Amino acid sequence: MGEAKRRGSRSQRVAAAATAIPAPDAVRDSVGFPESCRFIGYVVHLPNSDEFLAGASEPQPGVVLRQYAATPGLASTRCRRL
């Protein structure tokens, strides 16, 4: 229990994780894409199984349901656009 207290509350951990996500403009610039490219979201790739996260939900506390897709295109069409 002591370790959980040191990490902070759930909202504090979520806020800290959100700051670790790079801004779309920074990603575009680091990869060298032109400014005309439009950011539509992130896709999570699982390299060991070569799958892509297509959706996730928490229907009740402690239960997480995940859906996977075979291609990034299928994953991006099933996820919520930012």
PDB file of N, CA and C in Angstrom:
ATOM      1  N   MET A   1       0.816  -1.198   0.000  1.00  0.00           N
ATOM      2  CA  MET A   1       0.000   0.000   0.000  1.00  0.00           C
ATOM      3  C   MET A   1       0.860   1.261   0.000  1.00  0.00           C
ATOM      4  N   GLY A   2       2.037   1.203   0.649  1.00  0.00           N
ATOM      5  CA  GLY A   2       2.897   2.369   0.707  1.00  0.00           C
ATOM      6  C   GLY A   2       3.356   2.842  -0.657  1.00  0.00           C
ATOM      7  N   GLU A   3       3.645   1.917  -1.573  1.00  0.00           N
ATOM      8  CA  GLU A   3       4.092   2.290  -2.919  1.00  0.00           C
ATOM      9  C   GLU A   3       2.997   3.063  -3.652  1.00  0.00           C
ATOM     10  N   ALA A   4       1.766   2.635  -3.520  1.00  0.00           N
ATOM     11  CA  ALA A   4       0.657   3.333  -4.184  1.00  0.00           C
ATOM     12  C   ALA A   4       0.540   4.761  -3.692  1.00  0.00           C
ATOM     13  N   LYS A   5       0.752   4.974  -2.416  1.00  0.00           N
ATOM     14  CA  LYS A   5       0.681   6.330  -1.867  1.00  0.00           C
ATOM     15  C   LYS A   5       1.797   7.207  -2.426  1.00  0.00           C
ATOM     16  N   ARG A   6       2.979   6.629  -2.621  1.00  0.00           N
ATOM     17  CA  ARG A   6       4.098   7.408  -3.159  1.00  0.00           C
ATOM     18  C   ARG A   6       3.875   7.810  -4.609  1.00  0.00           C
ATOM     19  N   ARG A   7       3.135   6.987  -5.351  1.00  0.00           N
ATOM     20  CA  ARG A   7       2.907   7.293  -6.769  1.00  0.00           C
ATOM     21  C   ARG A   7       1.853   8.373  -6.962  1.00  0.00           C
ATOM     22  N   GLY A   8       1.090   8.684  -5.934  1.00  0.00           N
ATOM     23  CA  GLY A   8       0.063   9.705  -6.033  1.00  0.00           C
ATOM     24  C   GLY A   8      -1.293   9.105  -6.343  1.00  0.00           C
ATOM     25  N   SER A   9      -2.292   9.977  -6.412  1.00  0.00           N
ATOM     26  CA  SER A   9      -3.649   9.531  -6.698  1.00  0.00           C
ATOM     27  C   SER A   9      -3.768   9.148  -8.171  1.00  0.00           C
ATOM     28  N   ARG A  10      -4.866   8.512  -8.503  1.00  0.00           N
ATOM     29  CA  ARG A  10      -5.081   8.100  -9.896  1.00  0.00           C
ATOM     30  C   ARG A  10      -5.082   9.308 -10.817  1.00  0.00           C
ATOM     31  N   SER A  11      -5.762  10.382 -10.410  1.00  0.00           N
ATOM     32  CA  SER A  11      -5.813  11.580 -11.258  1.00  0.00           C
ATOM     33  C   SER A  11      -4.428  12.191 -11.443  1.00  0.00           C
ATOM     34  N   GLN A  12      -3.584  12.139 -10.410  1.00  0.00           N
ATOM     35  CA  GLN A  12      -2.217  12.657 -10.539  1.00  0.00           C
ATOM     36  C   GLN A  12      -1.399  11.800 -11.504  1.00  0.00           C
ATOM     37  N   ARG A  13      -1.570  10.471 -11.430  1.00  0.00           N
ATOM     38  CA  ARG A  13      -0.827   9.583 -12.330  1.00  0.00           C
ATOM     39  C   ARG A  13      -1.286   9.756 -13.771  1.00  0.00           C
ATOM     40  N   VAL A  14      -2.598   9.939 -13.980  1.00  0.00           N
ATOM     41  CA  VAL A  14      -3.119  10.163 -15.333  1.00  0.00           C
ATOM     42  C   VAL A  14      -2.571  11.467 -15.895  1.00  0.00           C
ATOM     43  N   ALA A  15      -2.556  12.513 -15.083  1.00  0.00           N
ATOM     44  CA  ALA A  15      -2.028  13.804 -15.534  1.00  0.00           C
ATOM     45  C   ALA A  15      -0.552  13.702 -15.887  1.00  0.00           C
ATOM     46  N   ALA A  16       0.216  12.965 -15.086  1.00  0.00           N
ATOM     47  CA  ALA A  16       1.644  12.805 -15.370  1.00  0.00           C
ATOM     48  C   ALA A  16       1.854  12.014 -16.657  1.00  0.00           C
ATOM     49  N   ALA A  17       1.047  10.989 -16.884  1.00  0.00           N
ATOM     50  CA  ALA A  17       1.172  10.196 -18.112  1.00  0.00           C
ATOM     51  C   ALA A  17       0.803  11.034 -19.330  1.00  0.00           C
ATOM     52  N   ALA A  18      -0.190  11.892 -19.198  1.00  0.00           N
ATOM     53  CA  ALA A  18      -0.615  12.726 -20.330  1.00  0.00           C
ATOM     54  C   ALA A  18       0.484  13.685 -20.762  1.00  0.00           C
ATOM     55  N   THR A  19       1.303  14.140 -19.835  1.00  0.00           N
ATOM     56  CA  THR A  19       2.387  15.055 -20.210  1.00  0.00           C
ATOM     57  C   THR A  19       3.510  14.322 -20.929  1.00  0.00           C
ATOM     58  N   ALA A  20       3.557  12.995 -20.812  1.00  0.00           N
ATOM     59  CA  ALA A  20       4.608  12.213 -21.474  1.00  0.00           C
ATOM     60  C   ALA A  20       4.299  11.954 -22.945  1.00  0.00           C
ATOM     61  N   ILE A  21       3.068  12.210 -23.368  1.00  0.00           N
ATOM     62  CA  ILE A  21       2.668  11.990 -24.760  1.00  0.00           C
ATOM     63  C   ILE A  21       3.132  13.192 -25.585  1.00  0.00           C
ATOM     64  N   PRO A  22       3.914  12.987 -26.625  1.00  0.00           N
ATOM     65  CA  PRO A  22       4.396  14.125 -27.418  1.00  0.00           C
ATOM     66  C   PRO A  22       3.258  14.793 -28.188  1.00  0.00           C
ATOM     67  N   ALA A  23       3.405  16.075 -28.396  1.00  0.00           N
ATOM     68  CA  ALA A  23       2.415  16.833 -29.166  1.00  0.00           C
ATOM     69  C   ALA A  23       2.463  16.391 -30.624  1.00  0.00           C
ATOM     70  N   PRO A  24       1.318  16.382 -31.302  1.00  0.00           N
ATOM     71  CA  PRO A  24       1.289  15.968 -32.711  1.00  0.00           C
ATOM     72  C   PRO A  24       2.252  16.760 -33.588  1.00  0.00           C
ATOM     73  N   ASP A  25       2.371  18.071 -33.352  1.00  0.00           N
ATOM     74  CA  ASP A  25       3.289  18.879 -34.163  1.00  0.00           C
ATOM     75  C   ASP A  25       4.736  18.448 -33.957  1.00  0.00           C
ATOM     76  N   ALA A  26       5.097  18.094 -32.721  1.00  0.00           N
ATOM     77  CA  ALA A  26       6.466  17.660 -32.440  1.00  0.00           C
ATOM     78  C   ALA A  26       6.759  16.338 -33.141  1.00  0.00           C
ATOM     79  N   VAL A  27       5.789  15.430 -33.143  1.00  0.00           N
ATOM     80  CA  VAL A  27       5.975  14.145 -33.832  1.00  0.00           C
ATOM     81  C   VAL A  27       6.118  14.374 -35.331  1.00  0.00           C
ATOM     82  N   ARG A  28       5.244  15.186 -35.889  1.00  0.00           N
ATOM     83  CA  ARG A  28       5.291  15.476 -37.325  1.00  0.00           C
ATOM     84  C   ARG A  28       6.649  16.063 -37.716  1.00  0.00           C
ATOM     85  N   ASP A  29       7.125  17.017 -36.931  1.00  0.00           N
ATOM     86  CA  ASP A  29       8.401  17.657 -37.240  1.00  0.00           C
ATOM     87  C   ASP A  29       9.582  16.693 -37.083  1.00  0.00           C
ATOM     88  N   SER A  30       9.547  15.842 -36.058  1.00  0.00           N
ATOM     89  CA  SER A  30      10.673  14.929 -35.837  1.00  0.00           C
ATOM     90  C   SER A  30      10.755  13.853 -36.918  1.00  0.00           C
ATOM     91  N   VAL A  31       9.620  13.483 -37.499  1.00  0.00           N
ATOM     92  CA  VAL A  31       9.605  12.470 -38.549  1.00  0.00           C
ATOM     93  C   VAL A  31       9.879  13.088 -39.916  1.00  0.00           C
ATOM     94  N   GLY A  32       9.621  14.399 -40.033  1.00  0.00           N
ATOM     95  CA  GLY A  32       9.880  15.079 -41.292  1.00  0.00           C
ATOM     96  C   GLY A  32       8.682  15.173 -42.220  1.00  0.00           C
ATOM     97  N   PHE A  33       7.477  14.990 -41.676  1.00  0.00           N
ATOM     98  CA  PHE A  33       6.271  15.133 -42.498  1.00  0.00           C
ATOM     99  C   PHE A  33       6.023  16.608 -42.781  1.00  0.00           C
ATOM    100  N   PRO A  34       5.408  16.935 -43.913  1.00  0.00           N
ATOM    101  CA  PRO A  34       5.110  18.335 -44.207  1.00  0.00           C
ATOM    102  C   PRO A  34       4.028  18.889 -43.264  1.00  0.00           C
ATOM    103  N   GLU A  35       3.983  20.210 -43.145  1.00  0.00           N
ATOM    104  CA  GLU A  35       3.003  20.845 -42.261  1.00  0.00           C
ATOM    105  C   GLU A  35       1.566  20.614 -42.710  1.00  0.00           C
ATOM    106  N   SER A  36       1.372  20.224 -43.949  1.00  0.00           N
ATOM    107  CA  SER A  36       0.012  19.986 -44.452  1.00  0.00           C
ATOM    108  C   SER A  36      -0.592  18.685 -43.921  1.00  0.00           C
ATOM    109  N   CYS A  37       0.235  17.833 -43.292  1.00  0.00           N
ATOM    110  CA  CYS A  37      -0.284  16.578 -42.729  1.00  0.00           C
ATOM    111  C   CYS A  37      -1.220  16.889 -41.578  1.00  0.00           C
ATOM    112  N   ARG A  38      -2.317  16.141 -41.517  1.00  0.00           N
ATOM    113  CA  ARG A  38      -3.303  16.342 -40.453  1.00  0.00           C
ATOM    114  C   ARG A  38      -3.234  15.174 -39.480  1.00  0.00           C
ATOM    115  N   PHE A  39      -3.125  15.492 -38.200  1.00  0.00           N
ATOM    116  CA  PHE A  39      -3.072  14.472 -37.162  1.00  0.00           C
ATOM    117  C   PHE A  39      -4.489  13.997 -36.860  1.00  0.00           C
ATOM    118  N   ILE A  40      -4.696  12.669 -36.876  1.00  0.00           N
ATOM    119  CA  ILE A  40      -6.033  12.146 -36.571  1.00  0.00           C
ATOM    120  C   ILE A  40      -6.043  11.237 -35.353  1.00  0.00           C
ATOM    121  N   GLY A  41      -4.885  10.901 -34.774  1.00  0.00           N
ATOM    122  CA  GLY A  41      -4.862  10.103 -33.555  1.00  0.00           C
ATOM    123  C   GLY A  41      -3.647   9.207 -33.473  1.00  0.00           C
ATOM    124  N   TYR A  42      -3.541   8.518 -32.365  1.00  0.00           N
ATOM    125  CA  TYR A  42      -2.460   7.568 -32.130  1.00  0.00           C
ATOM    126  C   TYR A  42      -2.985   6.153 -32.322  1.00  0.00           C
ATOM    127  N   VAL A  43      -2.132   5.262 -32.749  1.00  0.00           N
ATOM    128  CA  VAL A  43      -2.460   3.843 -32.834  1.00  0.00           C
ATOM    129  C   VAL A  43      -1.419   3.091 -32.027  1.00  0.00           C
ATOM    130  N   VAL A  44      -1.862   2.178 -31.180  1.00  0.00           N
ATOM    131  CA  VAL A  44      -0.962   1.393 -30.333  1.00  0.00           C
ATOM    132  C   VAL A  44      -0.636   0.081 -31.038  1.00  0.00           C
ATOM    133  N   HIS A  45       0.670  -0.191 -31.222  1.00  0.00           N
ATOM    134  CA  HIS A  45       1.124  -1.409 -31.891  1.00  0.00           C
ATOM    135  C   HIS A  45       1.713  -2.353 -30.854  1.00  0.00           C
ATOM    136  N   LEU A  46       1.307  -3.619 -30.891  1.00  0.00           N
ATOM    137  CA  LEU A  46       1.874  -4.655 -30.023  1.00  0.00           C
ATOM    138  C   LEU A  46       2.814  -5.490 -30.893  1.00  0.00           C
ATOM    139  N   PRO A  47       4.129  -5.227 -30.850  1.00  0.00           N
ATOM    140  CA  PRO A  47       5.055  -5.877 -31.780  1.00  0.00           C
ATOM    141  C   PRO A  47       5.174  -7.389 -31.613  1.00  0.00           C
ATOM    142  N   ASN A  48       5.046  -7.899 -30.398  1.00  0.00           N
ATOM    143  CA  ASN A  48       5.205  -9.345 -30.195  1.00  0.00           C
ATOM    144  C   ASN A  48       4.139 -10.149 -30.941  1.00  0.00           C
ATOM    145  N   SER A  49       2.920  -9.655 -30.970  1.00  0.00           N
ATOM    146  CA  SER A  49       1.837 -10.363 -31.665  1.00  0.00           C
ATOM    147  C   SER A  49       1.493  -9.701 -32.995  1.00  0.00           C
ATOM    148  N   ASP A  50       2.155  -8.583 -33.321  1.00  0.00           N
ATOM    149  CA  ASP A  50       1.904  -7.809 -34.535  1.00  0.00           C
ATOM    150  C   ASP A  50       0.419  -7.479 -34.672  1.00  0.00           C
ATOM    151  N   GLU A  51      -0.154  -6.963 -33.583  1.00  0.00           N
ATOM    152  CA  GLU A  51      -1.543  -6.535 -33.566  1.00  0.00           C
ATOM    153  C   GLU A  51      -1.604  -5.070 -33.163  1.00  0.00           C
ATOM    154  N   PHE A  52      -2.763  -4.478 -33.339  1.00  0.00           N
ATOM    155  CA  PHE A  52      -2.976  -3.080 -33.017  1.00  0.00           C
ATOM    156  C   PHE A  52      -4.195  -2.965 -32.115  1.00  0.00           C
ATOM    157  N   LEU A  53      -4.098  -2.129 -31.101  1.00  0.00           N
ATOM    158  CA  LEU A  53      -5.204  -1.941 -30.179  1.00  0.00           C
ATOM    159  C   LEU A  53      -6.323  -1.188 -30.886  1.00  0.00           C
ATOM    160  N   ALA A  54      -7.490  -1.808 -30.977  1.00  0.00           N
ATOM    161  CA  ALA A  54      -8.617  -1.203 -31.683  1.00  0.00           C
ATOM    162  C   ALA A  54      -9.625  -0.585 -30.731  1.00  0.00           C
ATOM    163  N   GLY A  55      -9.594  -0.962 -29.480  1.00  0.00           N
ATOM    164  CA  GLY A  55     -10.532  -0.391 -28.529  1.00  0.00           C
ATOM    165  C   GLY A  55     -10.290  -0.933 -27.144  1.00  0.00           C
ATOM    166  N   ALA A  56     -10.712  -0.158 -26.159  1.00  0.00           N
ATOM    167  CA  ALA A  56     -10.599  -0.585 -24.771  1.00  0.00           C
ATOM    168  C   ALA A  56     -11.714   0.073 -23.980  1.00  0.00           C
ATOM    169  N   SER A  57     -12.264  -0.669 -23.049  1.00  0.00           N
ATOM    170  CA  SER A  57     -13.304  -0.117 -22.193  1.00  0.00           C
ATOM    171  C   SER A  57     -13.191  -0.746 -20.813  1.00  0.00           C
ATOM    172  N   GLU A  58     -13.766  -0.064 -19.835  1.00  0.00           N
ATOM    173  CA  GLU A  58     -13.783  -0.562 -18.463  1.00  0.00           C
ATOM    174  C   GLU A  58     -15.245  -0.617 -18.021  1.00  0.00           C
ATOM    175  N   PRO A  59     -15.935  -1.735 -18.330  1.00  0.00           N
ATOM    176  CA  PRO A  59     -17.358  -1.814 -18.028  1.00  0.00           C
ATOM    177  C   PRO A  59     -17.673  -1.784 -16.535  1.00  0.00           C
ATOM    178  N   GLN A  60     -16.727  -2.219 -15.729  1.00  0.00           N
ATOM    179  CA  GLN A  60     -16.859  -2.129 -14.279  1.00  0.00           C
ATOM    180  C   GLN A  60     -15.466  -2.006 -13.686  1.00  0.00           C
ATOM    181  N   PRO A  61     -15.347  -1.455 -12.497  1.00  0.00           N
ATOM    182  CA  PRO A  61     -14.020  -1.266 -11.898  1.00  0.00           C
ATOM    183  C   PRO A  61     -13.228  -2.569 -11.836  1.00  0.00           C
ATOM    184  N   GLY A  62     -11.996  -2.498 -12.304  1.00  0.00           N
ATOM    185  CA  GLY A  62     -11.113  -3.655 -12.262  1.00  0.00           C
ATOM    186  C   GLY A  62     -11.214  -4.585 -13.457  1.00  0.00           C
ATOM    187  N   VAL A  63     -12.146  -4.313 -14.370  1.00  0.00           N
ATOM    188  CA  VAL A  63     -12.321  -5.151 -15.556  1.00  0.00           C
ATOM    189  C   VAL A  63     -12.051  -4.297 -16.792  1.00  0.00           C
ATOM    190  N   VAL A  64     -11.048  -4.685 -17.578  1.00  0.00           N
ATOM    191  CA  VAL A  64     -10.723  -3.949 -18.799  1.00  0.00           C
ATOM    192  C   VAL A  64     -10.915  -4.886 -19.991  1.00  0.00           C
ATOM    193  N   LEU A  65     -11.723  -4.461 -20.941  1.00  0.00           N
ATOM    194  CA  LEU A  65     -11.932  -5.223 -22.169  1.00  0.00           C
ATOM    195  C   LEU A  65     -11.149  -4.549 -23.286  1.00  0.00           C
ATOM    196  N   ARG A  66     -10.366  -5.340 -24.022  1.00  0.00           N
ATOM    197  CA  ARG A  66      -9.571  -4.801 -25.125  1.00  0.00           C
ATOM    198  C   ARG A  66      -9.948  -5.506 -26.415  1.00  0.00           C
ATOM    199  N   GLN A  67      -9.955  -4.754 -27.506  1.00  0.00           N
ATOM    200  CA  GLN A  67     -10.195  -5.305 -28.838  1.00  0.00           C
ATOM    201  C   GLN A  67      -8.952  -5.050 -29.671  1.00  0.00           C
ATOM    202  N   TYR A  68      -8.583  -6.039 -30.488  1.00  0.00           N
ATOM    203  CA  TYR A  68      -7.380  -5.925 -31.301  1.00  0.00           C
ATOM    204  C   TYR A  68      -7.731  -6.027 -32.782  1.00  0.00           C
ATOM    205  N   ALA A  69      -6.899  -5.407 -33.620  1.00  0.00           N
ATOM    206  CA  ALA A  69      -7.083  -5.445 -35.069  1.00  0.00           C
ATOM    207  C   ALA A  69      -5.779  -5.893 -35.719  1.00  0.00           C
ATOM    208  N   ALA A  70      -5.897  -6.435 -36.922  1.00  0.00           N
ATOM    209  CA  ALA A  70      -4.722  -6.958 -37.625  1.00  0.00           C
ATOM    210  C   ALA A  70      -3.922  -5.862 -38.332  1.00  0.00           C
ATOM    211  N   THR A  71      -4.552  -4.721 -38.628  1.00  0.00           N
ATOM    212  CA  THR A  71      -3.858  -3.653 -39.340  1.00  0.00           C
ATOM    213  C   THR A  71      -4.096  -2.318 -38.644  1.00  0.00           C
ATOM    214  N   PRO A  72      -3.193  -1.350 -38.820  1.00  0.00           N
ATOM    215  CA  PRO A  72      -3.401  -0.047 -38.196  1.00  0.00           C
ATOM    216  C   PRO A  72      -4.644   0.652 -38.732  1.00  0.00           C
ATOM    217  N   GLY A  73      -4.965   0.429 -39.996  1.00  0.00           N
ATOM    218  CA  GLY A  73      -6.157   1.040 -40.559  1.00  0.00           C
ATOM    219  C   GLY A  73      -7.431   0.572 -39.881  1.00  0.00           C
ATOM    220  N   LEU A  74      -7.509  -0.717 -39.592  1.00  0.00           N
ATOM    221  CA  LEU A  74      -8.674  -1.241 -38.884  1.00  0.00           C
ATOM    222  C   LEU A  74      -8.718  -0.726 -37.453  1.00  0.00           C
ATOM    223  N   ALA A  75      -7.563  -0.606 -36.820  1.00  0.00           N
ATOM    224  CA  ALA A  75      -7.531  -0.093 -35.444  1.00  0.00           C
ATOM    225  C   ALA A  75      -7.970   1.353 -35.400  1.00  0.00           C
ATOM    226  N   SER A  76      -7.515   2.172 -36.331  1.00  0.00           N
ATOM    227  CA  SER A  76      -7.844   3.585 -36.290  1.00  0.00           C
ATOM    228  C   SER A  76      -9.306   3.861 -36.611  1.00  0.00           C
ATOM    229  N   THR A  77      -9.944   3.003 -37.388  1.00  0.00           N
ATOM    230  CA  THR A  77     -11.351   3.235 -37.710  1.00  0.00           C
ATOM    231  C   THR A  77     -12.260   2.837 -36.558  1.00  0.00           C
ATOM    232  N   ARG A  78     -11.783   1.989 -35.647  1.00  0.00           N
ATOM    233  CA  ARG A  78     -12.610   1.546 -34.520  1.00  0.00           C
ATOM    234  C   ARG A  78     -12.434   2.428 -33.307  1.00  0.00           C
ATOM    235  N   CYS A  79     -11.325   3.172 -33.223  1.00  0.00           N
ATOM    236  CA  CYS A  79     -11.070   4.022 -32.062  1.00  0.00           C
ATOM    237  C   CYS A  79     -11.685   5.402 -32.263  1.00  0.00           C
ATOM    238  N   ARG A  80     -11.870   6.069 -31.150  1.00  0.00           N
ATOM    239  CA  ARG A  80     -12.422   7.421 -31.161  1.00  0.00           C
ATOM    240  C   ARG A  80     -11.381   8.370 -31.735  1.00  0.00           C
ATOM    241  N   ARG A  81     -11.789   9.211 -32.642  1.00  0.00           N
ATOM    242  CA  ARG A  81     -10.861  10.211 -33.212  1.00  0.00           C
ATOM    243  C   ARG A  81     -10.674  11.356 -32.234  1.00  0.00           C
ATOM    244  N   LEU A  82      -9.436  11.897 -32.199  1.00  0.00           N
ATOM    245  CA  LEU A  82      -9.131  12.996 -31.286  1.00  0.00           C
ATOM    246  C   LEU A  82      -9.504  14.320 -31.898  1.00  0.00           C
TER     247      LEU A  82
END
